Amino acid sequence: MNRSTFFIAILYALTVIMLGIMGYQAGSVVSLVASLIIGIFILIFMFLALALKRNWPVFFALISVVAALSFFIYRFSVTKNFMPAVMAIFSALVAFLLTIWLASRKKI
């Protein structure tokens, strides 16, 4: 796994957790819980990939990103609030596409 993939995933996980905190401040406990779970899963999988020097945890981290994307699309469709749902959707798409692009360029 290259360092770029690792740092993008860590940055995304922290972004998801911060967006969950923003959602909680707006009154959504569900956003906080879901964001914490997804963010922690991504952190665990990326540190596993780094420690084990294997690629399979990156696959599970990408599944977590897709889960986050699905959750925030659902939250936006229910609440119609722009923040933090649209920011989370945008950041999930960026993290997913960058990780796929890096995986296609180099061995991760």
PDB file of N, CA and C in Angstrom:
ATOM      1  N   MET A   1       0.854  -1.171   0.000  1.00  0.00           N
ATOM      2  CA  MET A   1       0.000   0.000   0.000  1.00  0.00           C
ATOM      3  C   MET A   1       0.900   1.233   0.000  1.00  0.00           C
ATOM      4  N   ASN A   2       0.574   2.177  -0.868  1.00  0.00           N
ATOM      5  CA  ASN A   2       1.394   3.391  -0.893  1.00  0.00           C
ATOM      6  C   ASN A   2       0.886   4.399   0.145  1.00  0.00           C
ATOM      7  N   ARG A   3       1.729   5.351   0.457  1.00  0.00           N
ATOM      8  CA  ARG A   3       1.401   6.324   1.498  1.00  0.00           C
ATOM      9  C   ARG A   3       0.244   7.229   1.102  1.00  0.00           C
ATOM     10  N   SER A   4       0.113   7.528  -0.181  1.00  0.00           N
ATOM     11  CA  SER A   4      -0.974   8.415  -0.627  1.00  0.00           C
ATOM     12  C   SER A   4      -2.334   7.804  -0.300  1.00  0.00           C
ATOM     13  N   THR A   5      -2.491   6.526  -0.588  1.00  0.00           N
ATOM     14  CA  THR A   5      -3.754   5.856  -0.297  1.00  0.00           C
ATOM     15  C   THR A   5      -4.035   5.871   1.195  1.00  0.00           C
ATOM     16  N   PHE A   6      -3.020   5.605   1.982  1.00  0.00           N
ATOM     17  CA  PHE A   6      -3.171   5.586   3.428  1.00  0.00           C
ATOM     18  C   PHE A   6      -3.605   6.957   3.947  1.00  0.00           C
ATOM     19  N   PHE A   7      -2.941   8.019   3.516  1.00  0.00           N
ATOM     20  CA  PHE A   7      -3.265   9.354   4.008  1.00  0.00           C
ATOM     21  C   PHE A   7      -4.635   9.827   3.523  1.00  0.00           C
ATOM     22  N   ILE A   8      -5.011   9.477   2.308  1.00  0.00           N
ATOM     23  CA  ILE A   8      -6.345   9.847   1.817  1.00  0.00           C
ATOM     24  C   ILE A   8      -7.417   9.165   2.660  1.00  0.00           C
ATOM     25  N   ALA A   9      -7.221   7.894   2.945  1.00  0.00           N
ATOM     26  CA  ALA A   9      -8.204   7.159   3.743  1.00  0.00           C
ATOM     27  C   ALA A   9      -8.286   7.693   5.169  1.00  0.00           C
ATOM     28  N   ILE A  10      -7.151   8.007   5.771  1.00  0.00           N
ATOM     29  CA  ILE A  10      -7.152   8.546   7.129  1.00  0.00           C
ATOM     30  C   ILE A  10      -7.839   9.917   7.152  1.00  0.00           C
ATOM     31  N   LEU A  11      -7.515  10.752   6.176  1.00  0.00           N
ATOM     32  CA  LEU A  11      -8.143  12.068   6.081  1.00  0.00           C
ATOM     33  C   LEU A  11      -9.650  11.940   5.883  1.00  0.00           C
ATOM     34  N   TYR A  12     -10.069  10.992   5.046  1.00  0.00           N
ATOM     35  CA  TYR A  12     -11.492  10.789   4.819  1.00  0.00           C
ATOM     36  C   TYR A  12     -12.183  10.293   6.089  1.00  0.00           C
ATOM     37  N   ALA A  13     -11.556   9.359   6.798  1.00  0.00           N
ATOM     38  CA  ALA A  13     -12.157   8.840   8.029  1.00  0.00           C
ATOM     39  C   ALA A  13     -12.346   9.955   9.052  1.00  0.00           C
ATOM     40  N   LEU A  14     -11.353  10.805   9.184  1.00  0.00           N
ATOM     41  CA  LEU A  14     -11.477  11.932  10.116  1.00  0.00           C
ATOM     42  C   LEU A  14     -12.546  12.920   9.655  1.00  0.00           C
ATOM     43  N   THR A  15     -12.662  13.117   8.335  1.00  0.00           N
ATOM     44  CA  THR A  15     -13.709  13.986   7.791  1.00  0.00           C
ATOM     45  C   THR A  15     -15.092  13.430   8.098  1.00  0.00           C
ATOM     46  N   VAL A  16     -15.260  12.124   7.940  1.00  0.00           N
ATOM     47  CA  VAL A  16     -16.556  11.495   8.233  1.00  0.00           C
ATOM     48  C   VAL A  16     -16.912  11.676   9.706  1.00  0.00           C
ATOM     49  N   ILE A  17     -15.938  11.483  10.574  1.00  0.00           N
ATOM     50  CA  ILE A  17     -16.198  11.652  12.005  1.00  0.00           C
ATOM     51  C   ILE A  17     -16.569  13.107  12.317  1.00  0.00           C
ATOM     52  N   MET A  18     -15.861  14.064  11.712  1.00  0.00           N
ATOM     53  CA  MET A  18     -16.183  15.484  11.943  1.00  0.00           C
ATOM     54  C   MET A  18     -17.568  15.836  11.408  1.00  0.00           C
ATOM     55  N   LEU A  19     -17.941  15.268  10.256  1.00  0.00           N
ATOM     56  CA  LEU A  19     -19.276  15.537   9.716  1.00  0.00           C
ATOM     57  C   LEU A  19     -20.358  14.934  10.595  1.00  0.00           C
ATOM     58  N   GLY A  20     -20.066  13.788  11.201  1.00  0.00           N
ATOM     59  CA  GLY A  20     -21.011  13.200  12.155  1.00  0.00           C
ATOM     60  C   GLY A  20     -21.202  14.090  13.371  1.00  0.00           C
ATOM     61  N   ILE A  21     -20.121  14.706  13.830  1.00  0.00           N
ATOM     62  CA  ILE A  21     -20.211  15.639  14.961  1.00  0.00           C
ATOM     63  C   ILE A  21     -21.029  16.860  14.560  1.00  0.00           C
ATOM     64  N   MET A  22     -20.844  17.341  13.319  1.00  0.00           N
ATOM     65  CA  MET A  22     -21.662  18.462  12.832  1.00  0.00           C
ATOM     66  C   MET A  22     -23.135  18.084  12.801  1.00  0.00           C
ATOM     67  N   GLY A  23     -23.414  16.863  12.339  1.00  0.00           N
ATOM     68  CA  GLY A  23     -24.796  16.392  12.313  1.00  0.00           C
ATOM     69  C   GLY A  23     -25.385  16.279  13.708  1.00  0.00           C
ATOM     70  N   TYR A  24     -24.575  15.857  14.652  1.00  0.00           N
ATOM     71  CA  TYR A  24     -25.035  15.754  16.044  1.00  0.00           C
ATOM     72  C   TYR A  24     -25.352  17.129  16.616  1.00  0.00           C
ATOM     73  N   GLN A  25     -24.514  18.111  16.295  1.00  0.00           N
ATOM     74  CA  GLN A  25     -24.769  19.465  16.773  1.00  0.00           C
ATOM     75  C   GLN A  25     -26.041  20.033  16.174  1.00  0.00           C
ATOM     76  N   ALA A  26     -26.421  19.516  15.001  1.00  0.00           N
ATOM     77  CA  ALA A  26     -27.674  19.946  14.375  1.00  0.00           C
ATOM     78  C   ALA A  26     -28.860  19.129  14.879  1.00  0.00           C
ATOM     79  N   GLY A  27     -28.584  18.164  15.780  1.00  0.00           N
ATOM     80  CA  GLY A  27     -29.674  17.408  16.384  1.00  0.00           C
ATOM     81  C   GLY A  27     -29.833  15.987  15.890  1.00  0.00           C
ATOM     82  N   SER A  28     -28.873  15.436  15.169  1.00  0.00           N
ATOM     83  CA  SER A  28     -28.999  14.094  14.611  1.00  0.00           C
ATOM     84  C   SER A  28     -28.028  13.132  15.294  1.00  0.00           C
ATOM     85  N   VAL A  29     -28.562  12.341  16.210  1.00  0.00           N
ATOM     86  CA  VAL A  29     -27.756  11.328  16.888  1.00  0.00           C
ATOM     87  C   VAL A  29     -27.404  10.208  15.907  1.00  0.00           C
ATOM     88  N   VAL A  30     -28.304   9.914  14.969  1.00  0.00           N
ATOM     89  CA  VAL A  30     -28.064   8.862  13.988  1.00  0.00           C
ATOM     90  C   VAL A  30     -26.835   9.178  13.140  1.00  0.00           C
ATOM     91  N   SER A  31     -26.683  10.410  12.735  1.00  0.00           N
ATOM     92  CA  SER A  31     -25.511  10.808  11.948  1.00  0.00           C
ATOM     93  C   SER A  31     -24.227  10.623  12.742  1.00  0.00           C
ATOM     94  N   LEU A  32     -24.253  10.964  14.003  1.00  0.00           N
ATOM     95  CA  LEU A  32     -23.069  10.807  14.839  1.00  0.00           C
ATOM     96  C   LEU A  32     -22.686   9.340  14.976  1.00  0.00           C
ATOM     97  N   VAL A  33     -23.644   8.499  15.292  1.00  0.00           N
ATOM     98  CA  VAL A  33     -23.366   7.073  15.493  1.00  0.00           C
ATOM     99  C   VAL A  33     -22.880   6.432  14.196  1.00  0.00           C
ATOM    100  N   ALA A  34     -23.579   6.682  13.096  1.00  0.00           N
ATOM    101  CA  ALA A  34     -23.175   6.090  11.816  1.00  0.00           C
ATOM    102  C   ALA A  34     -21.803   6.580  11.379  1.00  0.00           C
ATOM    103  N   SER A  35     -21.556   7.853  11.550  1.00  0.00           N
ATOM    104  CA  SER A  35     -20.262   8.410  11.161  1.00  0.00           C
ATOM    105  C   SER A  35     -19.129   7.859  12.008  1.00  0.00           C
ATOM    106  N   LEU A  36     -19.360   7.719  13.293  1.00  0.00           N
ATOM    107  CA  LEU A  36     -18.329   7.136  14.156  1.00  0.00           C
ATOM    108  C   LEU A  36     -18.032   5.695  13.768  1.00  0.00           C
ATOM    109  N   ILE A  37     -19.066   4.919  13.513  1.00  0.00           N
ATOM    110  CA  ILE A  37     -18.868   3.517  13.134  1.00  0.00           C
ATOM    111  C   ILE A  37     -18.099   3.423  11.825  1.00  0.00           C
ATOM    112  N   ILE A  38     -18.528   4.158  10.816  1.00  0.00           N
ATOM    113  CA  ILE A  38     -17.876   4.087   9.508  1.00  0.00           C
ATOM    114  C   ILE A  38     -16.449   4.624   9.582  1.00  0.00           C
ATOM    115  N   GLY A  39     -16.255   5.754  10.265  1.00  0.00           N
ATOM    116  CA  GLY A  39     -14.919   6.324  10.394  1.00  0.00           C
ATOM    117  C   GLY A  39     -13.963   5.392  11.119  1.00  0.00           C
ATOM    118  N   ILE A  40     -14.419   4.770  12.192  1.00  0.00           N
ATOM    119  CA  ILE A  40     -13.567   3.845  12.944  1.00  0.00           C
ATOM    120  C   ILE A  40     -13.255   2.604  12.119  1.00  0.00           C
ATOM    121  N   PHE A  41     -14.241   2.079  11.367  1.00  0.00           N
ATOM    122  CA  PHE A  41     -13.974   0.934  10.488  1.00  0.00           C
ATOM    123  C   PHE A  41     -12.888   1.265   9.467  1.00  0.00           C
ATOM    124  N   ILE A  42     -12.994   2.426   8.858  1.00  0.00           N
ATOM    125  CA  ILE A  42     -11.997   2.814   7.854  1.00  0.00           C
ATOM    126  C   ILE A  42     -10.618   2.924   8.497  1.00  0.00           C
ATOM    127  N   LEU A  43     -10.545   3.545   9.669  1.00  0.00           N
ATOM    128  CA  LEU A  43      -9.263   3.655  10.369  1.00  0.00           C
ATOM    129  C   LEU A  43      -8.685   2.274  10.685  1.00  0.00           C
ATOM    130  N   ILE A  44      -9.512   1.381  11.185  1.00  0.00           N
ATOM    131  CA  ILE A  44      -9.049   0.031  11.521  1.00  0.00           C
ATOM    132  C   ILE A  44      -8.537  -0.688  10.277  1.00  0.00           C
ATOM    133  N   PHE A  45      -9.298  -0.636   9.193  1.00  0.00           N
ATOM    134  CA  PHE A  45      -8.890  -1.345   7.979  1.00  0.00           C
ATOM    135  C   PHE A  45      -7.601  -0.777   7.392  1.00  0.00           C
ATOM    136  N   MET A  46      -7.444   0.523   7.434  1.00  0.00           N
ATOM    137  CA  MET A  46      -6.223   1.097   6.861  1.00  0.00           C
ATOM    138  C   MET A  46      -5.003   0.797   7.725  1.00  0.00           C
ATOM    139  N   PHE A  47      -5.162   0.809   9.040  1.00  0.00           N
ATOM    140  CA  PHE A  47      -4.032   0.437   9.886  1.00  0.00           C
ATOM    141  C   PHE A  47      -3.717  -1.048   9.766  1.00  0.00           C
ATOM    142  N   LEU A  48      -4.737  -1.873   9.531  1.00  0.00           N
ATOM    143  CA  LEU A  48      -4.490  -3.295   9.253  1.00  0.00           C
ATOM    144  C   LEU A  48      -3.707  -3.469   7.962  1.00  0.00           C
ATOM    145  N   ALA A  49      -4.089  -2.727   6.933  1.00  0.00           N
ATOM    146  CA  ALA A  49      -3.373  -2.808   5.653  1.00  0.00           C
ATOM    147  C   ALA A  49      -1.924  -2.389   5.820  1.00  0.00           C
ATOM    148  N   LEU A  50      -1.706  -1.365   6.618  1.00  0.00           N
ATOM    149  CA  LEU A  50      -0.346  -0.896   6.852  1.00  0.00           C
ATOM    150  C   LEU A  50       0.453  -1.897   7.676  1.00  0.00           C
ATOM    151  N   ALA A  51      -0.159  -2.440   8.712  1.00  0.00           N
ATOM    152  CA  ALA A  51       0.551  -3.368   9.597  1.00  0.00           C
ATOM    153  C   ALA A  51       0.802  -4.722   8.931  1.00  0.00           C
ATOM    154  N   LEU A  52      -0.188  -5.226   8.213  1.00  0.00           N
ATOM    155  CA  LEU A  52      -0.064  -6.552   7.601  1.00  0.00           C
ATOM    156  C   LEU A  52       0.619  -6.521   6.236  1.00  0.00           C
ATOM    157  N   LYS A  53       0.726  -5.319   5.659  1.00  0.00           N
ATOM    158  CA  LYS A  53       1.266  -5.153   4.306  1.00  0.00           C
ATOM    159  C   LYS A  53       0.512  -6.024   3.292  1.00  0.00           C
ATOM    160  N   ARG A  54      -0.797  -5.995   3.434  1.00  0.00           N
ATOM    161  CA  ARG A  54      -1.697  -6.729   2.540  1.00  0.00           C
ATOM    162  C   ARG A  54      -2.699  -5.754   1.939  1.00  0.00           C
ATOM    163  N   ASN A  55      -3.319  -6.169   0.837  1.00  0.00           N
ATOM    164  CA  ASN A  55      -4.274  -5.306   0.150  1.00  0.00           C
ATOM    165  C   ASN A  55      -5.730  -5.533   0.548  1.00  0.00           C
ATOM    166  N   TRP A  56      -6.060  -6.678   1.137  1.00  0.00           N
ATOM    167  CA  TRP A  56      -7.467  -6.955   1.404  1.00  0.00           C
ATOM    168  C   TRP A  56      -8.126  -5.961   2.357  1.00  0.00           C
ATOM    169  N   PRO A  57      -7.436  -5.380   3.353  1.00  0.00           N
ATOM    170  CA  PRO A  57      -8.137  -4.391   4.188  1.00  0.00           C
ATOM    171  C   PRO A  57      -8.548  -3.130   3.414  1.00  0.00           C
ATOM    172  N   VAL A  58      -7.813  -2.796   2.356  1.00  0.00           N
ATOM    173  CA  VAL A  58      -8.179  -1.625   1.547  1.00  0.00           C
ATOM    174  C   VAL A  58      -9.537  -1.863   0.882  1.00  0.00           C
ATOM    175  N   PHE A  59      -9.783  -3.086   0.444  1.00  0.00           N
ATOM    176  CA  PHE A  59     -11.075  -3.441  -0.146  1.00  0.00           C
ATOM    177  C   PHE A  59     -12.201  -3.199   0.855  1.00  0.00           C
ATOM    178  N   PHE A  60     -12.006  -3.620   2.100  1.00  0.00           N
ATOM    179  CA  PHE A  60     -13.036  -3.418   3.118  1.00  0.00           C
ATOM    180  C   PHE A  60     -13.184  -1.939   3.486  1.00  0.00           C
ATOM    181  N   ALA A  61     -12.098  -1.188   3.431  1.00  0.00           N
ATOM    182  CA  ALA A  61     -12.190   0.256   3.654  1.00  0.00           C
ATOM    183  C   ALA A  61     -13.032   0.897   2.549  1.00  0.00           C
ATOM    184  N   LEU A  62     -12.853   0.444   1.309  1.00  0.00           N
ATOM    185  CA  LEU A  62     -13.666   0.977   0.207  1.00  0.00           C
ATOM    186  C   LEU A  62     -15.137   0.617   0.386  1.00  0.00           C
ATOM    187  N   ILE A  63     -15.406  -0.572   0.901  1.00  0.00           N
ATOM    188  CA  ILE A  63     -16.797  -0.940   1.190  1.00  0.00           C
ATOM    189  C   ILE A  63     -17.373  -0.008   2.246  1.00  0.00           C
ATOM    190  N   SER A  64     -16.565   0.357   3.240  1.00  0.00           N
ATOM    191  CA  SER A  64     -17.011   1.305   4.264  1.00  0.00           C
ATOM    192  C   SER A  64     -17.286   2.675   3.663  1.00  0.00           C
ATOM    193  N   VAL A  65     -16.475   3.092   2.688  1.00  0.00           N
ATOM    194  CA  VAL A  65     -16.706   4.372   2.014  1.00  0.00           C
ATOM    195  C   VAL A  65     -18.032   4.327   1.253  1.00  0.00           C
ATOM    196  N   VAL A  66     -18.302   3.222   0.581  1.00  0.00           N
ATOM    197  CA  VAL A  66     -19.572   3.080  -0.146  1.00  0.00           C
ATOM    198  C   VAL A  66     -20.742   3.072   0.843  1.00  0.00           C
ATOM    199  N   ALA A  67     -20.552   2.453   2.009  1.00  0.00           N
ATOM    200  CA  ALA A  67     -21.602   2.474   3.034  1.00  0.00           C
ATOM    201  C   ALA A  67     -21.857   3.900   3.509  1.00  0.00           C
ATOM    202  N   ALA A  68     -20.785   4.665   3.709  1.00  0.00           N
ATOM    203  CA  ALA A  68     -20.940   6.063   4.112  1.00  0.00           C
ATOM    204  C   ALA A  68     -21.666   6.854   3.032  1.00  0.00           C
ATOM    205  N   LEU A  69     -21.284   6.638   1.799  1.00  0.00           N
ATOM    206  CA  LEU A  69     -21.929   7.324   0.681  1.00  0.00           C
ATOM    207  C   LEU A  69     -23.419   7.007   0.648  1.00  0.00           C
ATOM    208  N   SER A  70     -23.762   5.746   0.800  1.00  0.00           N
ATOM    209  CA  SER A  70     -25.168   5.340   0.801  1.00  0.00           C
ATOM    210  C   SER A  70     -25.934   5.967   1.960  1.00  0.00           C
ATOM    211  N   PHE A  71     -25.312   5.957   3.138  1.00  0.00           N
ATOM    212  CA  PHE A  71     -25.976   6.524   4.309  1.00  0.00           C
ATOM    213  C   PHE A  71     -26.235   8.013   4.136  1.00  0.00           C
ATOM    214  N   PHE A  72     -25.255   8.757   3.652  1.00  0.00           N
ATOM    215  CA  PHE A  72     -25.437  10.201   3.536  1.00  0.00           C
ATOM    216  C   PHE A  72     -26.361  10.567   2.377  1.00  0.00           C
ATOM    217  N   ILE A  73     -26.423   9.778   1.337  1.00  0.00           N
ATOM    218  CA  ILE A  73     -27.432  10.007   0.291  1.00  0.00           C
ATOM    219  C   ILE A  73     -28.820   9.812   0.879  1.00  0.00           C
ATOM    220  N   TYR A  74     -28.968   8.757   1.686  1.00  0.00           N
ATOM    221  CA  TYR A  74     -30.250   8.522   2.352  1.00  0.00           C
ATOM    222  C   TYR A  74     -30.606   9.690   3.282  1.00  0.00           C
ATOM    223  N   ARG A  75     -29.635  10.150   4.090  1.00  0.00           N
ATOM    224  CA  ARG A  75     -29.902  11.247   5.022  1.00  0.00           C
ATOM    225  C   ARG A  75     -30.284  12.531   4.287  1.00  0.00           C
ATOM    226  N   PHE A  76     -29.629  12.790   3.162  1.00  0.00           N
ATOM    227  CA  PHE A  76     -29.972  13.984   2.392  1.00  0.00           C
ATOM    228  C   PHE A  76     -31.374  13.865   1.813  1.00  0.00           C
ATOM    229  N   SER A  77     -31.749  12.672   1.339  1.00  0.00           N
ATOM    230  CA  SER A  77     -33.080  12.513   0.759  1.00  0.00           C
ATOM    231  C   SER A  77     -34.178  12.641   1.815  1.00  0.00           C
ATOM    232  N   VAL A  78     -33.869  12.287   3.058  1.00  0.00           N
ATOM    233  CA  VAL A  78     -34.859  12.387   4.128  1.00  0.00           C
ATOM    234  C   VAL A  78     -34.949  13.810   4.675  1.00  0.00           C
ATOM    235  N   THR A  79     -33.794  14.423   4.957  1.00  0.00           N
ATOM    236  CA  THR A  79     -33.810  15.718   5.639  1.00  0.00           C
ATOM    237  C   THR A  79     -33.811  16.917   4.700  1.00  0.00           C
ATOM    238  N   LYS A  80     -33.299  16.748   3.497  1.00  0.00           N
ATOM    239  CA  LYS A  80     -33.156  17.835   2.520  1.00  0.00           C
ATOM    240  C   LYS A  80     -32.257  18.961   3.025  1.00  0.00           C
ATOM    241  N   ASN A  81     -31.445  18.685   4.041  1.00  0.00           N
ATOM    242  CA  ASN A  81     -30.477  19.652   4.547  1.00  0.00           C
ATOM    243  C   ASN A  81     -29.184  19.507   3.766  1.00  0.00           C
ATOM    244  N   PHE A  82     -28.675  20.627   3.297  1.00  0.00           N
ATOM    245  CA  PHE A  82     -27.462  20.605   2.488  1.00  0.00           C
ATOM    246  C   PHE A  82     -26.257  20.152   3.305  1.00  0.00           C
ATOM    247  N   MET A  83     -26.101  20.724   4.481  1.00  0.00           N
ATOM    248  CA  MET A  83     -24.965  20.371   5.338  1.00  0.00           C
ATOM    249  C   MET A  83     -25.451  19.479   6.459  1.00  0.00           C
ATOM    250  N   PRO A  84     -24.751  18.485   6.844  1.00  0.00           N
ATOM    251  CA  PRO A  84     -23.468  18.013   6.357  1.00  0.00           C
ATOM    252  C   PRO A  84     -23.574  16.931   5.280  1.00  0.00           C
ATOM    253  N   ALA A  85     -24.803  16.590   4.864  1.00  0.00           N
ATOM    254  CA  ALA A  85     -24.984  15.450   3.974  1.00  0.00           C
ATOM    255  C   ALA A  85     -24.284  15.625   2.629  1.00  0.00           C
ATOM    256  N   VAL A  86     -24.451  16.748   1.972  1.00  0.00           N
ATOM    257  CA  VAL A  86     -23.853  16.933   0.647  1.00  0.00           C
ATOM    258  C   VAL A  86     -22.336  16.987   0.740  1.00  0.00           C
ATOM    259  N   MET A  87     -21.811  17.595   1.791  1.00  0.00           N
ATOM    260  CA  MET A  87     -20.362  17.607   1.987  1.00  0.00           C
ATOM    261  C   MET A  87     -19.843  16.185   2.187  1.00  0.00           C
ATOM    262  N   ALA A  88     -20.582  15.376   2.918  1.00  0.00           N
ATOM    263  CA  ALA A  88     -20.174  13.983   3.132  1.00  0.00           C
ATOM    264  C   ALA A  88     -20.260  13.180   1.838  1.00  0.00           C
ATOM    265  N   ILE A  89     -21.285  13.428   1.040  1.00  0.00           N
ATOM    266  CA  ILE A  89     -21.403  12.743  -0.248  1.00  0.00           C
ATOM    267  C   ILE A  89     -20.234  13.118  -1.147  1.00  0.00           C
ATOM    268  N   PHE A  90     -19.927  14.395  -1.215  1.00  0.00           N
ATOM    269  CA  PHE A  90     -18.817  14.856  -2.038  1.00  0.00           C
ATOM    270  C   PHE A  90     -17.487  14.265  -1.566  1.00  0.00           C
ATOM    271  N   SER A  91     -17.242  14.295  -0.270  1.00  0.00           N
ATOM    272  CA  SER A  91     -15.976  13.761   0.238  1.00  0.00           C
ATOM    273  C   SER A  91     -15.879  12.256   0.051  1.00  0.00           C
ATOM    274  N   ALA A  92     -16.997  11.535   0.161  1.00  0.00           N
ATOM    275  CA  ALA A  92     -16.976  10.086  -0.078  1.00  0.00           C
ATOM    276  C   ALA A  92     -16.651   9.780  -1.535  1.00  0.00           C
ATOM    277  N   LEU A  93     -17.241  10.538  -2.443  1.00  0.00           N
ATOM    278  CA  LEU A  93     -16.942  10.326  -3.861  1.00  0.00           C
ATOM    279  C   LEU A  93     -15.481  10.618  -4.178  1.00  0.00           C
ATOM    280  N   VAL A  94     -14.961  11.697  -3.620  1.00  0.00           N
ATOM    281  CA  VAL A  94     -13.554  12.043  -3.849  1.00  0.00           C
ATOM    282  C   VAL A  94     -12.639  10.965  -3.285  1.00  0.00           C
ATOM    283  N   ALA A  95     -12.891  10.525  -2.056  1.00  0.00           N
ATOM    284  CA  ALA A  95     -12.051   9.490  -1.442  1.00  0.00           C
ATOM    285  C   ALA A  95     -12.125   8.188  -2.223  1.00  0.00           C
ATOM    286  N   PHE A  96     -13.322   7.802  -2.645  1.00  0.00           N
ATOM    287  CA  PHE A  96     -13.491   6.562  -3.388  1.00  0.00           C
ATOM    288  C   PHE A  96     -12.760   6.622  -4.730  1.00  0.00           C
ATOM    289  N   LEU A  97     -12.967   7.700  -5.470  1.00  0.00           N
ATOM    290  CA  LEU A  97     -12.344   7.818  -6.790  1.00  0.00           C
ATOM    291  C   LEU A  97     -10.823   7.944  -6.705  1.00  0.00           C
ATOM    292  N   LEU A  98     -10.316   8.693  -5.730  1.00  0.00           N
ATOM    293  CA  LEU A  98      -8.869   8.796  -5.568  1.00  0.00           C
ATOM    294  C   LEU A  98      -8.243   7.453  -5.197  1.00  0.00           C
ATOM    295  N   THR A  99      -8.906   6.710  -4.336  1.00  0.00           N
ATOM    296  CA  THR A  99      -8.374   5.401  -3.948  1.00  0.00           C
ATOM    297  C   THR A  99      -8.377   4.442  -5.122  1.00  0.00           C
ATOM    298  N   ILE A 100      -9.440   4.440  -5.904  1.00  0.00           N
ATOM    299  CA  ILE A 100      -9.497   3.579  -7.088  1.00  0.00           C
ATOM    300  C   ILE A 100      -8.425   3.995  -8.092  1.00  0.00           C
ATOM    301  N   TRP A 101      -8.267   5.297  -8.290  1.00  0.00           N
ATOM    302  CA  TRP A 101      -7.255   5.786  -9.226  1.00  0.00           C
ATOM    303  C   TRP A 101      -5.850   5.391  -8.777  1.00  0.00           C
ATOM    304  N   LEU A 102      -5.555   5.565  -7.494  1.00  0.00           N
ATOM    305  CA  LEU A 102      -4.237   5.182  -6.984  1.00  0.00           C
ATOM    306  C   LEU A 102      -4.029   3.678  -7.079  1.00  0.00           C
ATOM    307  N   ALA A 103      -5.084   2.910  -6.858  1.00  0.00           N
ATOM    308  CA  ALA A 103      -4.965   1.459  -6.953  1.00  0.00           C
ATOM    309  C   ALA A 103      -4.694   1.018  -8.382  1.00  0.00           C
ATOM    310  N   SER A 104      -5.234   1.741  -9.336  1.00  0.00           N
ATOM    311  CA  SER A 104      -4.996   1.378 -10.743  1.00  0.00           C
ATOM    312  C   SER A 104      -3.613   1.793 -11.217  1.00  0.00           C
ATOM    313  N   ARG A 105      -3.027   2.811 -10.591  1.00  0.00           N
ATOM    314  CA  ARG A 105      -1.705   3.303 -10.979  1.00  0.00           C
ATOM    315  C   ARG A 105      -0.582   2.467 -10.374  1.00  0.00           C
ATOM    316  N   LYS A 106      -0.706   2.170  -9.099  1.00  0.00           N
ATOM    317  CA  LYS A 106       0.355   1.494  -8.378  1.00  0.00           C
ATOM    318  C   LYS A 106      -0.232   0.353  -7.556  1.00  0.00           C
ATOM    319  N   LYS A 107       0.654  -0.498  -7.132  1.00  0.00           N
ATOM    320  CA  LYS A 107       0.235  -1.527  -6.205  1.00  0.00           C
ATOM    321  C   LYS A 107      -0.015  -0.873  -4.864  1.00  0.00           C
ATOM    322  N   ILE A 108      -1.217  -1.124  -4.284  1.00  0.00           N
ATOM    323  CA  ILE A 108      -1.510  -0.545  -2.970  1.00  0.00           C
ATOM    324  C   ILE A 108      -1.463  -1.624  -1.922  1.00  0.00           C
TER     325      ILE A 108
END
